[in-house]
Amino acid sequence: MKKIFSALFLAGIITVFATTVTKAQEMSGGIKGGLTMSNLYIDENDLDDENARFGFHAGFFSQVMFLETFGLQPELLFTTKGTKATYDGFISQTVDFNLNYLEVPILAVFRPVEMIEFHAGPYVGLLLSSNIKYSGAIEGHDEIDRDNFNTVDYGLGFGFALNFANVSAGLRYNIGLQKLANSNVSEMLLGDSKNAYGQLYIGFKL
C-alpha cells in the first residue's frame, strides 16, 4: 500500500507538472535550505516546542507560474526531523531521537504582489535513516532499524515567503498525517506519534 501510494503521488506530480509547464507564463528554480525545528505529536492540541529538536533542510525547488498570481512549487529536500528529551535528577541526560527524510512537497503558490507569496500543499517523504543520540552522563549513538517505522511519511504544509530579486526568505509549518510506529516495539515507545515541524529558509534562484 505504501509503494502504491508513493507511485500514485509521484505520477500525479509528473502529470500536474507537465500540464502546468505547457501553460506557464513564468518558470524559475534554484536551491534552498535553512533551519528545521521538529517535534512529535499525538493530538494537535498537544503540540508545543518544549521538546523540539533543531536540525536543517536543504535541496532544490522549481516554480511554475501559469498566472501572475498563481502557480505551483515542487521541491526535493533532505530534511531532519525527530524530538529531544531532557532528564534531570540523579543524573542529567539528553536524548535526541533523529529521523532523516527525503521529501517532495508540492505547493500551490498565491502571489498577491511581487514581493509576497503564500504557499500551501501536500508533501510526501521517504525515511532514509533513524538513530538515537545520548549526551550528558551517558554518551552514545545507536542506529535504529528503519523497519520499525513507516518509511513513507506524508502531510500538509503551509507558509509564506518574501522575495528580494533572486533571493527569497520564508517560513513554513508542516503537520504529518502518518503515524511513525510500525512495530510493537516502536508503538510501545511512540504510540500514535506523528511528525510536526517548522522551517525557516532562504532560497536562491539560479
C-alpha atoms as a PDB file:
ATOM      1  CA  MET A   1       0.000   0.000   0.000  1.00  0.00           C
ATOM      2  CA  LYS A   2       2.845   2.402   0.816  1.00  0.00           C
ATOM      3  CA  LYS A   3       4.517   1.716  -2.531  1.00  0.00           C
ATOM      4  CA  ILE A   4       1.227   2.186  -4.365  1.00  0.00           C
ATOM      5  CA  PHE A   5       0.610   5.480  -2.553  1.00  0.00           C
ATOM      6  CA  SER A   6       4.110   6.725  -3.370  1.00  0.00           C
ATOM      7  CA  ALA A   7       3.819   5.688  -7.031  1.00  0.00           C
ATOM      8  CA  LEU A   8       0.436   7.398  -7.412  1.00  0.00           C
ATOM      9  CA  PHE A   9       1.711  10.535  -5.727  1.00  0.00           C
ATOM     10  CA  LEU A  10       4.779  10.718  -7.988  1.00  0.00           C
ATOM     11  CA  ALA A  11       2.662  10.024 -11.059  1.00  0.00           C
ATOM     12  CA  GLY A  12       0.362  12.854 -10.025  1.00  0.00           C
ATOM     13  CA  ILE A  13       3.344  15.163  -9.574  1.00  0.00           C
ATOM     14  CA  ILE A  14       4.645  14.401 -13.071  1.00  0.00           C
ATOM     15  CA  THR A  15       1.212  14.831 -14.667  1.00  0.00           C
ATOM     16  CA  VAL A  16       0.416  18.096 -12.914  1.00  0.00           C
ATOM     17  CA  PHE A  17       3.885  19.498 -13.510  1.00  0.00           C
ATOM     18  CA  ALA A  18       3.894  18.574 -17.205  1.00  0.00           C
ATOM     19  CA  THR A  19       0.444  20.100 -17.706  1.00  0.00           C
ATOM     20  CA  THR A  20       1.422  23.229 -15.828  1.00  0.00           C
ATOM     21  CA  VAL A  21       4.660  23.742 -17.768  1.00  0.00           C
ATOM     22  CA  THR A  22       2.771  23.865 -21.059  1.00  0.00           C
ATOM     23  CA  LYS A  23       0.673  26.752 -19.691  1.00  0.00           C
ATOM     24  CA  ALA A  24       3.447  28.523 -17.791  1.00  0.00           C
ATOM     25  CA  GLN A  25       3.922  32.260 -18.050  1.00  0.00           C
ATOM     26  CA  GLU A  26       6.982  32.218 -15.792  1.00  0.00           C
ATOM     27  CA  MET A  27       9.398  29.453 -14.752  1.00  0.00           C
ATOM     28  CA  SER A  28      12.266  29.548 -12.283  1.00  0.00           C
ATOM     29  CA  GLY A  29      14.231  27.256  -9.991  1.00  0.00           C
ATOM     30  CA  GLY A  30      17.087  27.162  -7.563  1.00  0.00           C
ATOM     31  CA  ILE A  31      18.414  25.929  -4.241  1.00  0.00           C
ATOM     32  CA  LYS A  32      17.107  26.458  -0.733  1.00  0.00           C
ATOM     33  CA  GLY A  33      17.889  25.497   2.823  1.00  0.00           C
ATOM     34  CA  GLY A  34      17.657  26.525   6.437  1.00  0.00           C
ATOM     35  CA  LEU A  35      16.655  25.644   9.979  1.00  0.00           C
ATOM     36  CA  THR A  36      14.145  22.940  10.911  1.00  0.00           C
ATOM     37  CA  MET A  37      12.501  22.791  14.343  1.00  0.00           C
ATOM     38  CA  SER A  38      10.711  19.456  14.755  1.00  0.00           C
ATOM     39  CA  ASN A  39       8.684  17.584  17.331  1.00  0.00           C
ATOM     40  CA  LEU A  40       6.309  14.632  17.639  1.00  0.00           C
ATOM     41  CA  TYR A  41       2.626  14.830  18.468  1.00  0.00           C
ATOM     42  CA  ILE A  42      -0.340  12.548  19.046  1.00  0.00           C
ATOM     43  CA  ASP A  43      -3.099  15.142  19.262  1.00  0.00           C
ATOM     44  CA  GLU A  44      -2.905  18.564  17.576  1.00  0.00           C
ATOM     45  CA  ASN A  45      -3.834  20.166  20.909  1.00  0.00           C
ATOM     46  CA  ASP A  46      -0.654  18.716  22.471  1.00  0.00           C
ATOM     47  CA  LEU A  47       1.742  20.452  20.077  1.00  0.00           C
ATOM     48  CA  ASP A  48       4.409  22.594  21.760  1.00  0.00           C
ATOM     49  CA  ASP A  49       8.101  23.348  21.413  1.00  0.00           C
ATOM     50  CA  GLU A  50       9.181  22.003  24.805  1.00  0.00           C
ATOM     51  CA  ASN A  51      10.990  19.011  23.318  1.00  0.00           C
ATOM     52  CA  ALA A  52      11.784  20.493  19.925  1.00  0.00           C
ATOM     53  CA  ARG A  53      14.773  19.193  18.002  1.00  0.00           C
ATOM     54  CA  PHE A  54      16.712  21.702  15.915  1.00  0.00           C
ATOM     55  CA  GLY A  55      18.012  20.429  12.591  1.00  0.00           C
ATOM     56  CA  PHE A  56      18.189  21.531   8.974  1.00  0.00           C
ATOM     57  CA  HIS A  57      16.789  21.037   5.495  1.00  0.00           C
ATOM     58  CA  ALA A  58      18.358  21.623   2.083  1.00  0.00           C
ATOM     59  CA  GLY A  59      17.594  20.901  -1.544  1.00  0.00           C
ATOM     60  CA  PHE A  60      16.121  22.172  -4.785  1.00  0.00           C
ATOM     61  CA  PHE A  61      12.935  23.911  -5.852  1.00  0.00           C
ATOM     62  CA  SER A  62      11.253  24.920  -9.076  1.00  0.00           C
ATOM     63  CA  GLN A  63       8.396  27.350  -9.519  1.00  0.00           C
ATOM     64  CA  VAL A  64       5.943  27.500 -12.391  1.00  0.00           C
ATOM     65  CA  MET A  65       3.543  30.448 -12.530  1.00  0.00           C
ATOM     66  CA  PHE A  66       0.771  29.996 -15.062  1.00  0.00           C
ATOM     67  CA  LEU A  67      -0.990  33.160 -13.881  1.00  0.00           C
ATOM     68  CA  GLU A  68       0.574  36.322 -12.481  1.00  0.00           C
ATOM     69  CA  THR A  69      -0.855  35.465  -9.078  1.00  0.00           C
ATOM     70  CA  PHE A  70      -0.972  31.647  -9.044  1.00  0.00           C
ATOM     71  CA  GLY A  71       1.335  28.700  -9.713  1.00  0.00           C
ATOM     72  CA  LEU A  72       2.964  25.545  -8.353  1.00  0.00           C
ATOM     73  CA  GLN A  73       6.231  24.964  -6.499  1.00  0.00           C
ATOM     74  CA  PRO A  74       7.603  21.386  -6.376  1.00  0.00           C
ATOM     75  CA  GLU A  75      10.651  20.769  -4.180  1.00  0.00           C
ATOM     76  CA  LEU A  76      13.130  17.991  -3.410  1.00  0.00           C
ATOM     77  CA  LEU A  77      14.564  18.291   0.113  1.00  0.00           C
ATOM     78  CA  PHE A  78      16.692  16.433   2.627  1.00  0.00           C
ATOM     79  CA  THR A  79      15.017  17.108   5.980  1.00  0.00           C
ATOM     80  CA  THR A  80      15.881  16.155   9.550  1.00  0.00           C
ATOM     81  CA  LYS A  81      13.034  15.516  11.989  1.00  0.00           C
ATOM     82  CA  GLY A  82      12.540  13.989  15.428  1.00  0.00           C
ATOM     83  CA  THR A  83      12.397  15.196  19.007  1.00  0.00           C
ATOM     84  CA  LYS A  84      14.583  15.783  22.065  1.00  0.00           C
ATOM     85  CA  ALA A  85      14.047  14.792  25.688  1.00  0.00           C
ATOM     86  CA  THR A  86      15.961  16.113  28.718  1.00  0.00           C
ATOM     87  CA  TYR A  87      16.007  14.253  32.038  1.00  0.00           C
ATOM     88  CA  ASP A  88      17.112  15.948  35.280  1.00  0.00           C
ATOM     89  CA  GLY A  89      17.602  14.146  38.551  1.00  0.00           C
ATOM     90  CA  PHE A  90      20.289  11.918  39.974  1.00  0.00           C
ATOM     91  CA  ILE A  91      21.922  12.166  36.549  1.00  0.00           C
ATOM     92  CA  SER A  92      21.319  14.666  33.761  1.00  0.00           C
ATOM     93  CA  GLN A  93      20.706  13.200  30.352  1.00  0.00           C
ATOM     94  CA  THR A  94      19.639  14.448  26.926  1.00  0.00           C
ATOM     95  CA  VAL A  95      18.301  12.059  24.304  1.00  0.00           C
ATOM     96  CA  ASP A  96      17.918  13.089  20.650  1.00  0.00           C
ATOM     97  CA  PHE A  97      15.587  10.984  18.513  1.00  0.00           C
ATOM     98  CA  ASN A  98      16.672  11.632  14.912  1.00  0.00           C
ATOM     99  CA  LEU A  99      14.823  10.869  11.673  1.00  0.00           C
ATOM    100  CA  ASN A 100      16.200  11.776   8.240  1.00  0.00           C
ATOM    101  CA  TYR A 101      13.904  12.062   5.222  1.00  0.00           C
ATOM    102  CA  LEU A 102      13.995  12.739   1.504  1.00  0.00           C
ATOM    103  CA  GLU A 103      10.874  14.822   0.865  1.00  0.00           C
ATOM    104  CA  VAL A 104       8.855  16.067  -2.095  1.00  0.00           C
ATOM    105  CA  PRO A 105       6.480  18.956  -1.264  1.00  0.00           C
ATOM    106  CA  ILE A 106       4.084  20.131  -3.984  1.00  0.00           C
ATOM    107  CA  LEU A 107       2.848  23.587  -3.050  1.00  0.00           C
ATOM    108  CA  ALA A 108       0.273  25.895  -4.558  1.00  0.00           C
ATOM    109  CA  VAL A 109       1.657  29.437  -4.784  1.00  0.00           C
ATOM    110  CA  PHE A 110      -0.518  32.540  -4.357  1.00  0.00           C
ATOM    111  CA  ARG A 111       1.328  35.790  -5.149  1.00  0.00           C
ATOM    112  CA  PRO A 112      -0.885  38.834  -4.487  1.00  0.00           C
ATOM    113  CA  VAL A 113       2.056  41.203  -5.088  1.00  0.00           C
ATOM    114  CA  GLU A 114       5.527  40.585  -6.494  1.00  0.00           C
ATOM    115  CA  MET A 115       7.233  40.623  -3.101  1.00  0.00           C
ATOM    116  CA  ILE A 116       4.905  38.313  -1.141  1.00  0.00           C
ATOM    117  CA  GLU A 117       3.927  34.665  -1.704  1.00  0.00           C
ATOM    118  CA  PHE A 118       1.711  32.294   0.260  1.00  0.00           C
ATOM    119  CA  HIS A 119       2.313  28.532  -0.065  1.00  0.00           C
ATOM    120  CA  ALA A 120       0.138  25.528   0.803  1.00  0.00           C
ATOM    121  CA  GLY A 121       0.012  21.897  -0.254  1.00  0.00           C
ATOM    122  CA  PRO A 122       0.894  18.258   0.478  1.00  0.00           C
ATOM    123  CA  TYR A 123       4.265  16.603   0.968  1.00  0.00           C
ATOM    124  CA  VAL A 124       5.457  13.011   0.878  1.00  0.00           C
ATOM    125  CA  GLY A 125       8.706  11.826   2.450  1.00  0.00           C
ATOM    126  CA  LEU A 126      10.845   8.683   2.410  1.00  0.00           C
ATOM    127  CA  LEU A 127      12.620   7.752   5.656  1.00  0.00           C
ATOM    128  CA  LEU A 128      16.323   7.324   4.923  1.00  0.00           C
ATOM    129  CA  SER A 129      17.723   6.615   8.397  1.00  0.00           C
ATOM    130  CA  SER A 130      16.937   6.802  12.114  1.00  0.00           C
ATOM    131  CA  ASN A 131      19.085   6.945  15.229  1.00  0.00           C
ATOM    132  CA  ILE A 132      19.217   7.944  18.878  1.00  0.00           C
ATOM    133  CA  LYS A 133      21.991  10.111  20.309  1.00  0.00           C
ATOM    134  CA  TYR A 134      22.734  10.278  24.052  1.00  0.00           C
ATOM    135  CA  SER A 135      24.559  13.167  25.705  1.00  0.00           C
ATOM    136  CA  GLY A 136      25.194  14.066  29.340  1.00  0.00           C
ATOM    137  CA  ALA A 137      26.076  11.446  31.948  1.00  0.00           C
ATOM    138  CA  ILE A 138      25.920   8.795  29.226  1.00  0.00           C
ATOM    139  CA  GLU A 139      27.370   9.456  25.778  1.00  0.00           C
ATOM    140  CA  GLY A 140      26.461   7.301  22.817  1.00  0.00           C
ATOM    141  CA  HIS A 141      24.861   6.852  19.443  1.00  0.00           C
ATOM    142  CA  ASP A 142      22.643   3.970  18.294  1.00  0.00           C
ATOM    143  CA  GLU A 143      21.228   3.251  14.857  1.00  0.00           C
ATOM    144  CA  ILE A 144      17.579   2.124  14.781  1.00  0.00           C
ATOM    145  CA  ASP A 145      16.243  -0.339  12.237  1.00  0.00           C
ATOM    146  CA  ARG A 146      14.030   1.722   9.931  1.00  0.00           C
ATOM    147  CA  ASP A 147      11.699  -1.273   9.586  1.00  0.00           C
ATOM    148  CA  ASN A 148      10.320  -0.251  12.984  1.00  0.00           C
ATOM    149  CA  PHE A 149       8.828   2.851  11.340  1.00  0.00           C
ATOM    150  CA  ASN A 150       6.510   3.644   8.478  1.00  0.00           C
ATOM    151  CA  THR A 151       9.060   4.526   5.829  1.00  0.00           C
ATOM    152  CA  VAL A 152       6.631   6.799   3.965  1.00  0.00           C
ATOM    153  CA  ASP A 153       5.582   9.990   5.711  1.00  0.00           C
ATOM    154  CA  TYR A 154       3.031  12.426   4.326  1.00  0.00           C
ATOM    155  CA  GLY A 155       1.204  15.512   5.431  1.00  0.00           C
ATOM    156  CA  LEU A 156       0.365  19.142   4.712  1.00  0.00           C
ATOM    157  CA  GLY A 157       2.458  22.292   4.717  1.00  0.00           C
ATOM    158  CA  PHE A 158       1.678  25.981   4.599  1.00  0.00           C
ATOM    159  CA  GLY A 159       3.655  29.212   4.910  1.00  0.00           C
ATOM    160  CA  PHE A 160       4.816  32.370   3.206  1.00  0.00           C
ATOM    161  CA  ALA A 161       7.884  33.839   1.506  1.00  0.00           C
ATOM    162  CA  LEU A 162       9.287  37.299   0.854  1.00  0.00           C
ATOM    163  CA  ASN A 163      11.006  37.890  -2.499  1.00  0.00           C
ATOM    164  CA  PHE A 164      14.031  40.137  -2.970  1.00  0.00           C
ATOM    165  CA  ALA A 165      15.146  39.917  -6.616  1.00  0.00           C
ATOM    166  CA  ASN A 166      16.687  36.404  -6.925  1.00  0.00           C
ATOM    167  CA  VAL A 167      16.639  35.726  -3.173  1.00  0.00           C
ATOM    168  CA  SER A 168      13.648  34.662  -1.089  1.00  0.00           C
ATOM    169  CA  ALA A 169      13.208  34.112   2.648  1.00  0.00           C
ATOM    170  CA  GLY A 170      10.323  32.187   4.110  1.00  0.00           C
ATOM    171  CA  LEU A 171       8.655  30.391   6.981  1.00  0.00           C
ATOM    172  CA  ARG A 172       6.720  27.135   6.680  1.00  0.00           C
ATOM    173  CA  TYR A 173       4.884  24.816   9.048  1.00  0.00           C
ATOM    174  CA  ASN A 174       4.272  21.128   8.244  1.00  0.00           C
ATOM    175  CA  ILE A 175       1.942  18.731  10.006  1.00  0.00           C
ATOM    176  CA  GLY A 176       2.341  14.986   9.459  1.00  0.00           C
ATOM    177  CA  LEU A 177      -0.672  12.720   8.893  1.00  0.00           C
ATOM    178  CA  GLN A 178       1.143   9.361   9.067  1.00  0.00           C
ATOM    179  CA  LYS A 179       1.979   7.774  12.407  1.00  0.00           C
ATOM    180  CA  LEU A 180       5.641   6.826  12.802  1.00  0.00           C
ATOM    181  CA  ALA A 181       5.480   3.470  14.578  1.00  0.00           C
ATOM    182  CA  ASN A 182       5.229   0.277  12.516  1.00  0.00           C
ATOM    183  CA  SER A 183       6.124  -2.413  15.046  1.00  0.00           C
ATOM    184  CA  ASN A 184       5.137  -3.467  18.564  1.00  0.00           C
ATOM    185  CA  VAL A 185       8.424  -2.143  19.955  1.00  0.00           C
ATOM    186  CA  SER A 186       8.134   1.291  18.343  1.00  0.00           C
ATOM    187  CA  GLU A 187       4.446   1.560  19.272  1.00  0.00           C
ATOM    188  CA  MET A 188       5.350   0.990  22.928  1.00  0.00           C
ATOM    189  CA  LEU A 189       7.743   3.954  22.741  1.00  0.00           C
ATOM    190  CA  LEU A 190       5.925   6.304  20.355  1.00  0.00           C
ATOM    191  CA  GLY A 191       2.277   5.276  20.385  1.00  0.00           C
ATOM    192  CA  ASP A 192       0.465   7.091  17.564  1.00  0.00           C
ATOM    193  CA  SER A 193       3.011   9.916  17.342  1.00  0.00           C
ATOM    194  CA  LYS A 194       3.367  11.836  14.064  1.00  0.00           C
ATOM    195  CA  ASN A 195       5.822  14.416  12.778  1.00  0.00           C
ATOM    196  CA  ALA A 196       5.329  18.161  13.125  1.00  0.00           C
ATOM    197  CA  TYR A 197       7.971  20.682  12.108  1.00  0.00           C
ATOM    198  CA  GLY A 198       8.583  24.301  11.200  1.00  0.00           C
ATOM    199  CA  GLN A 199      11.121  25.528   8.647  1.00  0.00           C
ATOM    200  CA  LEU A 200      12.886  28.863   8.319  1.00  0.00           C
ATOM    201  CA  TYR A 201      14.688  29.070   4.976  1.00  0.00           C
ATOM    202  CA  ILE A 202      16.480  31.106   2.339  1.00  0.00           C
ATOM    203  CA  GLY A 203      16.211  30.307  -1.368  1.00  0.00           C
ATOM    204  CA  PHE A 204      18.364  31.410  -4.299  1.00  0.00           C
ATOM    205  CA  LYS A 205      17.058  31.411  -7.860  1.00  0.00           C
ATOM    206  CA  LEU A 206      19.623  30.170 -10.380  1.00  0.00           C
END
